C-alpha cells in the first residue's frame, strides 16, 4: 500500500513532506498536536515568520491562539524537496525570536 503524499509548499516554494512515520513520532512526543496536523502544514505554508535553526533547519512560527504559538521545524534538502522534523506548541516565542529571520525578508 502506498502512503498518501502529505505535505505543503513552504514560503520558499519548496515542497515540504510530512510522512506518516514522522507525524506519529511528533504526536508521540507532543500528544497535544494530534488534532493539529492541518495547522502544522498551514504553519509551513503560511507562517508569521520563519527563523533559522542552529543546524540549518528552519522554524516556521504561527500564532494559533492569543499568546500560543505553533512551531514547525523543517529542513529544505534541495530545490524541490524538504521534510518536517518536528513541531511543538510554546508561549515562549521571544526566546526563539533571537534567531536570524529568514522570512519575511528584513
C-alpha atoms as a PDB file:
ATOM      1  CA  UNK A   1       0.000   0.000   0.000  1.00  0.00           C
ATOM      2  CA  UNK A   2       1.419   3.419  -0.905  1.00  0.00           C
ATOM      3  CA  UNK A   3       1.457   6.291   1.509  1.00  0.00           C
ATOM      4  CA  UNK A   4      -0.513   9.384   0.620  1.00  0.00           C
ATOM      5  CA  UNK A   5       1.676  12.312  -0.360  1.00  0.00           C
ATOM      6  CA  UNK A   6       1.213  14.616   2.618  1.00  0.00           C
ATOM      7  CA  UNK A   7       2.906  17.964   2.671  1.00  0.00           C
ATOM      8  CA  UNK A   8       2.745  21.577   1.607  1.00  0.00           C
ATOM      9  CA  UNK A   9       4.786  24.262  -0.084  1.00  0.00           C
ATOM     10  CA  UNK A  10       6.909  26.457   2.186  1.00  0.00           C
ATOM     11  CA  UNK A  11       7.160  30.223   1.659  1.00  0.00           C
ATOM     12  CA  UNK A  12      10.278  29.464  -0.414  1.00  0.00           C
ATOM     13  CA  UNK A  13       8.122  27.460  -2.841  1.00  0.00           C
ATOM     14  CA  UNK A  14       9.806  24.171  -1.905  1.00  0.00           C
ATOM     15  CA  UNK A  15       7.599  21.113  -1.261  1.00  0.00           C
ATOM     16  CA  UNK A  16       7.898  20.056   2.387  1.00  0.00           C
ATOM     17  CA  UNK A  17       6.893  16.450   3.138  1.00  0.00           C
ATOM     18  CA  UNK A  18       5.192  15.181   6.265  1.00  0.00           C
ATOM     19  CA  UNK A  19       5.452  11.393   6.291  1.00  0.00           C
ATOM     20  CA  UNK A  20       3.113   9.266   8.369  1.00  0.00           C
ATOM     21  CA  UNK A  21       6.142   7.922  10.290  1.00  0.00           C
ATOM     22  CA  UNK A  22       7.254  11.453  11.143  1.00  0.00           C
ATOM     23  CA  UNK A  23       3.733  12.503  12.115  1.00  0.00           C
ATOM     24  CA  UNK A  24       3.472   9.513  14.502  1.00  0.00           C
ATOM     25  CA  UNK A  25       6.806  10.497  16.055  1.00  0.00           C
ATOM     26  CA  UNK A  26       5.598  14.093  16.530  1.00  0.00           C
ATOM     27  CA  UNK A  27       2.346  13.112  18.251  1.00  0.00           C
ATOM     28  CA  UNK A  28       4.134  10.575  20.467  1.00  0.00           C
ATOM     29  CA  UNK A  29       6.365  13.372  21.745  1.00  0.00           C
ATOM     30  CA  UNK A  30       3.645  16.057  21.669  1.00  0.00           C
ATOM     31  CA  UNK A  31       0.212  14.396  22.014  1.00  0.00           C
ATOM     32  CA  UNK A  32      -1.449  17.819  22.226  1.00  0.00           C
ATOM     33  CA  UNK A  33      -0.798  18.139  18.464  1.00  0.00           C
ATOM     34  CA  UNK A  34      -2.766  15.033  17.475  1.00  0.00           C
ATOM     35  CA  UNK A  35      -5.716  17.026  16.094  1.00  0.00           C
ATOM     36  CA  UNK A  36      -3.486  19.770  14.623  1.00  0.00           C
ATOM     37  CA  UNK A  37      -1.955  18.104  11.544  1.00  0.00           C
ATOM     38  CA  UNK A  38      -3.693  20.589   9.251  1.00  0.00           C
ATOM     39  CA  UNK A  39      -2.378  23.500  11.352  1.00  0.00           C
ATOM     40  CA  UNK A  40       1.158  22.073  11.208  1.00  0.00           C
ATOM     41  CA  UNK A  41       1.022  22.120   7.405  1.00  0.00           C
ATOM     42  CA  UNK A  42      -0.598  25.571   7.392  1.00  0.00           C
ATOM     43  CA  UNK A  43       2.215  26.887   9.584  1.00  0.00           C
ATOM     44  CA  UNK A  44       4.792  25.831   6.982  1.00  0.00           C
ATOM     45  CA  UNK A  45       2.700  27.255   4.134  1.00  0.00           C
ATOM     46  CA  UNK A  46       1.633  30.489   5.797  1.00  0.00           C
ATOM     47  CA  UNK A  47       3.826  31.341   8.806  1.00  0.00           C
ATOM     48  CA  UNK A  48       4.003  34.542  10.783  1.00  0.00           C
ATOM     49  CA  UNK A  49       7.765  34.230  10.333  1.00  0.00           C
ATOM     50  CA  UNK A  50      10.492  31.707   9.560  1.00  0.00           C
ATOM     51  CA  UNK A  51      13.656  31.619  11.673  1.00  0.00           C
ATOM     52  CA  UNK A  52      16.995  29.913  11.088  1.00  0.00           C
ATOM     53  CA  UNK A  53      17.785  26.992  13.370  1.00  0.00           C
ATOM     54  CA  UNK A  54      21.217  26.240  14.834  1.00  0.00           C
ATOM     55  CA  UNK A  55      21.918  23.363  12.392  1.00  0.00           C
ATOM     56  CA  UNK A  56      20.478  24.762   9.170  1.00  0.00           C
ATOM     57  CA  UNK A  57      16.904  23.748   9.869  1.00  0.00           C
ATOM     58  CA  UNK A  58      14.083  26.274   9.599  1.00  0.00           C
ATOM     59  CA  UNK A  59      11.471  27.144  12.220  1.00  0.00           C
ATOM     60  CA  UNK A  60       8.079  28.252  10.911  1.00  0.00           C
ATOM     61  CA  UNK A  61       6.026  30.050  13.563  1.00  0.00           C
ATOM     62  CA  UNK A  62       2.331  30.866  13.624  1.00  0.00           C
ATOM     63  CA  UNK A  63       0.108  32.094  16.445  1.00  0.00           C
ATOM     64  CA  UNK A  64      -2.791  29.668  16.851  1.00  0.00           C
ATOM     65  CA  UNK A  65      -4.498  31.316  19.825  1.00  0.00           C
ATOM     66  CA  UNK A  66      -3.711  34.504  21.723  1.00  0.00           C
ATOM     67  CA  UNK A  67      -0.184  34.093  23.073  1.00  0.00           C
ATOM     68  CA  UNK A  68       0.161  30.444  21.978  1.00  0.00           C
ATOM     69  CA  UNK A  69       2.384  29.616  19.020  1.00  0.00           C
ATOM     70  CA  UNK A  70       2.867  26.541  16.873  1.00  0.00           C
ATOM     71  CA  UNK A  71       6.485  25.996  15.830  1.00  0.00           C
ATOM     72  CA  UNK A  72       7.227  23.613  12.968  1.00  0.00           C
ATOM     73  CA  UNK A  73      10.854  22.620  12.450  1.00  0.00           C
ATOM     74  CA  UNK A  74      11.707  21.570   8.909  1.00  0.00           C
ATOM     75  CA  UNK A  75      14.621  21.191   6.520  1.00  0.00           C
ATOM     76  CA  UNK A  76      14.874  22.087   2.857  1.00  0.00           C
ATOM     77  CA  UNK A  77      17.090  19.417   1.273  1.00  0.00           C
ATOM     78  CA  UNK A  78      17.154  20.625  -2.323  1.00  0.00           C
ATOM     79  CA  UNK A  79      15.482  22.858  -4.862  1.00  0.00           C
ATOM     80  CA  UNK A  80      12.254  20.848  -4.814  1.00  0.00           C
ATOM     81  CA  UNK A  81      12.195  18.850  -1.601  1.00  0.00           C
ATOM     82  CA  UNK A  82      12.243  19.076   2.157  1.00  0.00           C
ATOM     83  CA  UNK A  83      10.692  17.468   5.214  1.00  0.00           C
ATOM     84  CA  UNK A  84       9.191  18.288   8.594  1.00  0.00           C
ATOM     85  CA  UNK A  85      11.362  17.250  11.527  1.00  0.00           C
ATOM     86  CA  UNK A  86       9.110  18.071  14.477  1.00  0.00           C
ATOM     87  CA  UNK A  87       6.518  20.512  15.785  1.00  0.00           C
ATOM     88  CA  UNK A  88       5.567  21.874  19.184  1.00  0.00           C
ATOM     89  CA  UNK A  89       3.465  24.488  20.960  1.00  0.00           C
ATOM     90  CA  UNK A  90       5.002  27.283  23.008  1.00  0.00           C
ATOM     91  CA  UNK A  91       4.180  30.559  24.697  1.00  0.00           C
ATOM     92  CA  UNK A  92       7.895  31.456  24.872  1.00  0.00           C
ATOM     93  CA  UNK A  93       8.258  32.754  21.329  1.00  0.00           C
ATOM     94  CA  UNK A  94      10.538  35.629  22.422  1.00  0.00           C
ATOM     95  CA  UNK A  95      13.355  33.146  23.092  1.00  0.00           C
ATOM     96  CA  UNK A  96      13.070  31.831  19.550  1.00  0.00           C
ATOM     97  CA  UNK A  97      12.988  35.325  18.056  1.00  0.00           C
ATOM     98  CA  UNK A  98      16.660  35.807  18.985  1.00  0.00           C
ATOM     99  CA  UNK A  99      17.446  33.683  15.903  1.00  0.00           C
ATOM    100  CA  UNK A 100      18.029  35.087  12.427  1.00  0.00           C
ATOM    101  CA  UNK A 101      14.855  35.832  10.478  1.00  0.00           C
ATOM    102  CA  UNK A 102      14.718  34.049   7.117  1.00  0.00           C
ATOM    103  CA  UNK A 103      11.216  35.232   6.159  1.00  0.00           C
ATOM    104  CA  UNK A 104       9.814  37.785   5.775  1.00  0.00           C
ATOM    105  CA  UNK A 105      12.982  39.341   4.415  1.00  0.00           C
ATOM    106  CA  UNK A 106      14.118  42.247   6.557  1.00  0.00           C
END
